[in-house]
PDB file of all heavy atoms in Angstrom:
ATOM      1  N   PHE A   1      80.030 113.779 105.314  1.00  0.00           N
ATOM      2  CA  PHE A   1      79.539 114.522 106.451  1.00  0.00           C
ATOM      3  C   PHE A   1      79.042 113.558 107.517  1.00  0.00           C
ATOM      4  O   PHE A   1      78.553 112.470 107.218  1.00  0.00           O
ATOM      5  CB  PHE A   1      78.387 115.459 106.037  1.00  0.00           C
ATOM      6  CG  PHE A   1      78.756 116.428 104.963  1.00  0.00           C
ATOM      7  CD1 PHE A   1      78.416 116.189 103.645  1.00  0.00           C
ATOM      8  CD2 PHE A   1      79.433 117.595 105.276  1.00  0.00           C
ATOM      9  CE1 PHE A   1      78.746 117.093 102.647  1.00  0.00           C
ATOM     10  CE2 PHE A   1      79.772 118.510 104.292  1.00  0.00           C
ATOM     11  CZ  PHE A   1      79.417 118.256 102.974  1.00  0.00           C
ATOM     12  N   GLY A   2      79.147 113.941 108.766  1.00  0.00           N
ATOM     13  CA  GLY A   2      78.594 113.166 109.859  1.00  0.00           C
ATOM     14  C   GLY A   2      79.298 111.855 110.141  1.00  0.00           C
ATOM     15  O   GLY A   2      78.648 110.881 110.512  1.00  0.00           O
ATOM     16  N   ILE A   3      80.611 111.817 109.999  1.00  0.00           N
ATOM     17  CA  ILE A   3      81.373 110.605 110.276  1.00  0.00           C
ATOM     18  C   ILE A   3      81.380 110.328 111.771  1.00  0.00           C
ATOM     19  O   ILE A   3      81.678 111.220 112.570  1.00  0.00           O
ATOM     20  CB  ILE A   3      82.801 110.721 109.750  1.00  0.00           C
ATOM     21  CG1 ILE A   3      82.802 110.840 108.227  1.00  0.00           C
ATOM     22  CG2 ILE A   3      83.635 109.516 110.181  1.00  0.00           C
ATOM     23  CD1 ILE A   3      84.171 111.150 107.641  1.00  0.00           C
ATOM     24  N   ARG A   4      81.078 109.087 112.146  1.00  0.00           N
ATOM     25  CA  ARG A   4      81.168 108.684 113.542  1.00  0.00           C
ATOM     26  C   ARG A   4      82.525 108.062 113.826  1.00  0.00           C
ATOM     27  O   ARG A   4      83.256 108.513 114.702  1.00  0.00           O
ATOM     28  CB  ARG A   4      80.050 107.711 113.917  1.00  0.00           C
ATOM     29  CG  ARG A   4      80.045 107.366 115.408  1.00  0.00           C
ATOM     30  CD  ARG A   4      78.869 106.511 115.799  1.00  0.00           C
ATOM     31  NE  ARG A   4      79.018 105.138 115.325  1.00  0.00           N
ATOM     32  CZ  ARG A   4      78.232 104.139 115.697  1.00  0.00           C
ATOM     33  NH1 ARG A   4      77.236 104.354 116.536  1.00  0.00           N
ATOM     34  NH2 ARG A   4      78.433 102.925 115.206  1.00  0.00           N
ATOM     35  N   THR A   5      82.845 106.994 113.099  1.00  0.00           N
ATOM     36  CA  THR A   5      84.129 106.333 113.270  1.00  0.00           C
ATOM     37  C   THR A   5      84.710 105.936 111.924  1.00  0.00           C
ATOM     38  O   THR A   5      83.996 105.797 110.933  1.00  0.00           O
ATOM     39  CB  THR A   5      84.026 105.068 114.135  1.00  0.00           C
ATOM     40  OG1 THR A   5      83.201 104.105 113.474  1.00  0.00           O
ATOM     41  CG2 THR A   5      83.448 105.364 115.508  1.00  0.00           C
ATOM     42  N   MET A   6      86.007 105.736 111.904  1.00  0.00           N
ATOM     43  CA  MET A   6      86.675 105.060 110.810  1.00  0.00           C
ATOM     44  C   MET A   6      87.505 103.940 111.413  1.00  0.00           C
ATOM     45  O   MET A   6      87.912 104.018 112.577  1.00  0.00           O
ATOM     46  CB  MET A   6      87.564 106.007 110.008  1.00  0.00           C
ATOM     47  CG  MET A   6      86.791 107.098 109.277  1.00  0.00           C
ATOM     48  SD  MET A   6      87.839 108.139 108.228  1.00  0.00           S
ATOM     49  CE  MET A   6      88.237 106.990 106.903  1.00  0.00           C
ATOM     50  N   GLY A   7      87.730 102.906 110.631  1.00  0.00           N
ATOM     51  CA  GLY A   7      88.478 101.803 111.190  1.00  0.00           C
ATOM     52  C   GLY A   7      88.924 100.797 110.164  1.00  0.00           C
ATOM     53  O   GLY A   7      88.777 100.996 108.953  1.00  0.00           O
ATOM     54  N   TRP A   8      89.485  99.723 110.688  1.00  0.00           N
ATOM     55  CA  TRP A   8      90.012  98.644 109.870  1.00  0.00           C
ATOM     56  C   TRP A   8      89.446  97.312 110.315  1.00  0.00           C
ATOM     57  O   TRP A   8      89.357  97.037 111.522  1.00  0.00           O
ATOM     58  CB  TRP A   8      91.537  98.588 109.949  1.00  0.00           C
ATOM     59  CG  TRP A   8      92.217  99.762 109.326  1.00  0.00           C
ATOM     60  CD1 TRP A   8      92.605 100.912 109.946  1.00  0.00           C
ATOM     61  CD2 TRP A   8      92.590  99.894 107.957  1.00  0.00           C
ATOM     62  NE1 TRP A   8      93.189 101.762 109.049  1.00  0.00           N
ATOM     63  CE2 TRP A   8      93.205 101.167 107.816  1.00  0.00           C
ATOM     64  CE3 TRP A   8      92.474  99.072 106.838  1.00  0.00           C
ATOM     65  CZ2 TRP A   8      93.693 101.622 106.587  1.00  0.00           C
ATOM     66  CZ3 TRP A   8      92.956  99.533 105.625  1.00  0.00           C
ATOM     67  CH2 TRP A   8      93.563 100.791 105.511  1.00  0.00           C
ATOM     68  N   TYR A   9      89.081  96.502 109.347  1.00  0.00           N
ATOM     69  CA  TYR A   9      88.673  95.135 109.559  1.00  0.00           C
ATOM     70  C   TYR A   9      89.550  94.245 108.698  1.00  0.00           C
ATOM     71  O   TYR A   9      90.196  94.714 107.763  1.00  0.00           O
ATOM     72  CB  TYR A   9      87.199  94.933 109.187  1.00  0.00           C
ATOM     73  CG  TYR A   9      86.223  95.606 110.121  1.00  0.00           C
ATOM     74  CD1 TYR A   9      86.110  96.984 110.181  1.00  0.00           C
ATOM     75  CD2 TYR A   9      85.389  94.841 110.950  1.00  0.00           C
ATOM     76  CE1 TYR A   9      85.216  97.606 111.038  1.00  0.00           C
ATOM     77  CE2 TYR A   9      84.487  95.456 111.808  1.00  0.00           C
ATOM     78  CZ  TYR A   9      84.404  96.833 111.840  1.00  0.00           C
ATOM     79  OH  TYR A   9      83.509  97.436 112.688  1.00  0.00           O
ATOM     80  N   ARG A  10      89.576  92.959 109.015  1.00  0.00           N
ATOM     81  CA  ARG A  10      90.345  92.036 108.194  1.00  0.00           C
ATOM     82  C   ARG A  10      89.603  90.724 108.049  1.00  0.00           C
ATOM     83  O   ARG A  10      88.780  90.363 108.883  1.00  0.00           O
ATOM     84  CB  ARG A  10      91.744  91.797 108.770  1.00  0.00           C
ATOM     85  CG  ARG A  10      91.775  91.051 110.096  1.00  0.00           C
ATOM     86  CD  ARG A  10      93.192  90.989 110.624  1.00  0.00           C
ATOM     87  NE  ARG A  10      93.280  90.266 111.881  1.00  0.00           N
ATOM     88  CZ  ARG A  10      94.385  90.173 112.617  1.00  0.00           C
ATOM     89  NH1 ARG A  10      95.509  90.762 112.209  1.00  0.00           N
ATOM     90  NH2 ARG A  10      94.368  89.491 113.758  1.00  0.00           N
ATOM     91  N   GLN A  11      89.917  90.031 106.967  1.00  0.00           N
ATOM     92  CA  GLN A  11      89.300  88.746 106.695  1.00  0.00           C
ATOM     93  C   GLN A  11      90.333  87.808 106.099  1.00  0.00           C
ATOM     94  O   GLN A  11      90.883  88.070 105.032  1.00  0.00           O
ATOM     95  CB  GLN A  11      88.106  88.895 105.747  1.00  0.00           C
ATOM     96  CG  GLN A  11      87.313  87.621 105.566  1.00  0.00           C
ATOM     97  CD  GLN A  11      85.988  87.869 104.864  1.00  0.00           C
ATOM     98  OE1 GLN A  11      85.819  88.867 104.180  1.00  0.00           O
ATOM     99  NE2 GLN A  11      85.046  86.960 105.050  1.00  0.00           N
ATOM    100  N   ALA A  12      90.598  86.723 106.810  1.00  0.00           N
ATOM    101  CA  ALA A  12      91.492  85.687 106.335  1.00  0.00           C
ATOM    102  C   ALA A  12      90.678  84.625 105.605  1.00  0.00           C
ATOM    103  O   ALA A  12      89.471  84.485 105.831  1.00  0.00           O
ATOM    104  CB  ALA A  12      92.252  85.066 107.502  1.00  0.00           C
ATOM    105  N   PRO A  13      91.311  83.858 104.723  1.00  0.00           N
ATOM    106  CA  PRO A  13      90.585  82.810 104.003  1.00  0.00           C
ATOM    107  C   PRO A  13      89.858  81.855 104.940  1.00  0.00           C
ATOM    108  O   PRO A  13      90.443  81.364 105.907  1.00  0.00           O
ATOM    109  CB  PRO A  13      91.683  82.090 103.227  1.00  0.00           C
ATOM    110  CG  PRO A  13      92.746  83.126 103.039  1.00  0.00           C
ATOM    111  CD  PRO A  13      92.722  83.938 104.301  1.00  0.00           C
ATOM    112  N   GLY A  14      88.589  81.633 104.675  1.00  0.00           N
ATOM    113  CA  GLY A  14      87.804  80.715 105.473  1.00  0.00           C
ATOM    114  C   GLY A  14      87.334  81.250 106.808  1.00  0.00           C
ATOM    115  O   GLY A  14      86.742  80.496 107.587  1.00  0.00           O
ATOM    116  N   LYS A  15      87.592  82.516 107.089  1.00  0.00           N
ATOM    117  CA  LYS A  15      87.202  83.094 108.361  1.00  0.00           C
ATOM    118  C   LYS A  15      86.262  84.277 108.176  1.00  0.00           C
ATOM    119  O   LYS A  15      86.168  84.857 107.099  1.00  0.00           O
ATOM    120  CB  LYS A  15      88.437  83.538 109.152  1.00  0.00           C
ATOM    121  CG  LYS A  15      89.346  82.402 109.596  1.00  0.00           C
ATOM    122  CD  LYS A  15      90.440  82.904 110.513  1.00  0.00           C
ATOM    123  CE  LYS A  15      91.289  81.772 111.031  1.00  0.00           C
ATOM    124  NZ  LYS A  15      92.337  82.252 111.964  1.00  0.00           N
ATOM    125  N   GLN A  16      85.563  84.619 109.252  1.00  0.00           N
ATOM    126  CA  GLN A  16      84.698  85.786 109.257  1.00  0.00           C
ATOM    127  C   GLN A  16      85.524  87.061 109.269  1.00  0.00           C
ATOM    128  O   GLN A  16      86.639  87.091 109.784  1.00  0.00           O
ATOM    129  CB  GLN A  16      83.775  85.758 110.475  1.00  0.00           C
ATOM    130  CG  GLN A  16      82.810  84.586 110.525  1.00  0.00           C
ATOM    131  CD  GLN A  16      81.613  84.802 109.632  1.00  0.00           C
ATOM    132  OE1 GLN A  16      81.334  85.912 109.198  1.00  0.00           O
ATOM    133  NE2 GLN A  16      80.889  83.736 109.354  1.00  0.00           N
ATOM    134  N   ARG A  17      84.940  88.114 108.714  1.00  0.00           N
ATOM    135  CA  ARG A  17      85.576  89.410 108.816  1.00  0.00           C
ATOM    136  C   ARG A  17      85.539  89.874 110.269  1.00  0.00           C
ATOM    137  O   ARG A  17      84.506  89.768 110.945  1.00  0.00           O
ATOM    138  CB  ARG A  17      84.868  90.423 107.912  1.00  0.00           C
ATOM    139  CG  ARG A  17      85.560  91.765 107.833  1.00  0.00           C
ATOM    140  CD  ARG A  17      84.921  92.654 106.770  1.00  0.00           C
ATOM    141  NE  ARG A  17      85.057  92.094 105.431  1.00  0.00           N
ATOM    142  CZ  ARG A  17      84.686  92.719 104.320  1.00  0.00           C
ATOM    143  NH1 ARG A  17      84.161  93.935 104.383  1.00  0.00           N
ATOM    144  NH2 ARG A  17      84.838  92.117 103.149  1.00  0.00           N
ATOM    145  N   GLU A  18      86.657  90.362 110.767  1.00  0.00           N
ATOM    146  CA  GLU A  18      86.752  90.761 112.159  1.00  0.00           C
ATOM    147  C   GLU A  18      87.285  92.176 112.291  1.00  0.00           C
ATOM    148  O   GLU A  18      88.051  92.662 111.457  1.00  0.00           O
ATOM    149  CB  GLU A  18      87.658  89.798 112.942  1.00  0.00           C
ATOM    150  CG  GLU A  18      89.101  89.803 112.488  1.00  0.00           C
ATOM    151  CD  GLU A  18      89.993  88.918 113.341  1.00  0.00           C
ATOM    152  OE1 GLU A  18      89.541  88.448 114.400  1.00  0.00           O
ATOM    153  OE2 GLU A  18      91.159  88.692 112.951  1.00  0.00           O
ATOM    154  N   LEU A  19      86.884  92.816 113.361  1.00  0.00           N
ATOM    155  CA  LEU A  19      87.353  94.159 113.656  1.00  0.00           C
ATOM    156  C   LEU A  19      88.817  94.120 114.074  1.00  0.00           C
ATOM    157  O   LEU A  19      89.225  93.266 114.864  1.00  0.00           O
ATOM    158  CB  LEU A  19      86.505  94.784 114.768  1.00  0.00           C
ATOM    159  CG  LEU A  19      86.808  96.229 115.167  1.00  0.00           C
ATOM    160  CD1 LEU A  19      85.520  96.926 115.599  1.00  0.00           C
ATOM    161  CD2 LEU A  19      87.815  96.276 116.315  1.00  0.00           C
ATOM    162  N   VAL A  20      89.595  95.052 113.556  1.00  0.00           N
ATOM    163  CA  VAL A  20      90.987  95.220 113.955  1.00  0.00           C
ATOM    164  C   VAL A  20      91.135  96.429 114.874  1.00  0.00           C
ATOM    165  O   VAL A  20      91.654  96.323 115.984  1.00  0.00           O
ATOM    166  CB  VAL A  20      91.911  95.369 112.738  1.00  0.00           C
ATOM    167  CG1 VAL A  20      93.350  95.604 113.181  1.00  0.00           C
ATOM    168  CG2 VAL A  20      91.823  94.135 111.851  1.00  0.00           C
ATOM    169  N   ALA A  21      90.679  97.579 114.412  1.00  0.00           N
ATOM    170  CA  ALA A  21      90.799  98.797 115.197  1.00  0.00           C
ATOM    171  C   ALA A  21      89.845  99.848 114.656  1.00  0.00           C
ATOM    172  O   ALA A  21      89.554  99.873 113.460  1.00  0.00           O
ATOM    173  CB  ALA A  21      92.232  99.336 115.167  1.00  0.00           C
ATOM    174  N   THR A  22      89.370 100.718 115.527  1.00  0.00           N
ATOM    175  CA  THR A  22      88.542 101.845 115.124  1.00  0.00           C
ATOM    176  C   THR A  22      89.021 103.101 115.825  1.00  0.00           C
ATOM    177  O   THR A  22      89.681 103.041 116.867  1.00  0.00           O
ATOM    178  CB  THR A  22      87.049 101.630 115.452  1.00  0.00           C
ATOM    179  OG1 THR A  22      86.883 101.464 116.865  1.00  0.00           O
ATOM    180  CG2 THR A  22      86.504 100.410 114.719  1.00  0.00           C
ATOM    181  N   ILE A  23      88.643 104.240 115.262  1.00  0.00           N
ATOM    182  CA  ILE A  23      88.998 105.525 115.858  1.00  0.00           C
ATOM    183  C   ILE A  23      87.885 106.511 115.567  1.00  0.00           C
ATOM    184  O   ILE A  23      87.335 106.560 114.458  1.00  0.00           O
ATOM    185  CB  ILE A  23      90.363 106.023 115.333  1.00  0.00           C
ATOM    186  CG1 ILE A  23      90.799 107.284 116.089  1.00  0.00           C
ATOM    187  CG2 ILE A  23      90.334 106.255 113.826  1.00  0.00           C
ATOM    188  CD1 ILE A  23      92.258 107.661 115.831  1.00  0.00           C
ATOM    189  N   THR A  24      87.540 107.303 116.559  1.00  0.00           N
ATOM    190  CA  THR A  24      86.546 108.353 116.387  1.00  0.00           C
ATOM    191  C   THR A  24      87.213 109.632 115.926  1.00  0.00           C
ATOM    192  O   THR A  24      88.439 109.760 115.930  1.00  0.00           O
ATOM    193  CB  THR A  24      85.789 108.619 117.696  1.00  0.00           C
ATOM    194  OG1 THR A  24      86.679 109.207 118.649  1.00  0.00           O
ATOM    195  CG2 THR A  24      85.207 107.336 118.263  1.00  0.00           C
ATOM    196  N   ARG A  25      86.396 110.608 115.534  1.00  0.00           N
ATOM    197  CA  ARG A  25      86.935 111.895 115.125  1.00  0.00           C
ATOM    198  C   ARG A  25      87.727 112.535 116.254  1.00  0.00           C
ATOM    199  O   ARG A  25      88.731 113.217 116.003  1.00  0.00           O
ATOM    200  CB  ARG A  25      85.805 112.818 114.676  1.00  0.00           C
ATOM    201  CG  ARG A  25      86.288 114.172 114.194  1.00  0.00           C
ATOM    202  CD  ARG A  25      85.146 115.006 113.639  1.00  0.00           C
ATOM    203  NE  ARG A  25      85.610 116.322 113.249  1.00  0.00           N
ATOM    204  CZ  ARG A  25      86.154 116.601 112.074  1.00  0.00           C
ATOM    205  NH1 ARG A  25      86.281 115.640 111.159  1.00  0.00           N
ATOM    206  NH2 ARG A  25      86.553 117.832 111.794  1.00  0.00           N
TER     207      ARG A  25
END
């Protein structure tokens, strides 16, 4: 209940996790 957004992040070896894409309801 109460979802604001859903999305995808990615993390390559040795790197920080980064945002790929998000989508709202």
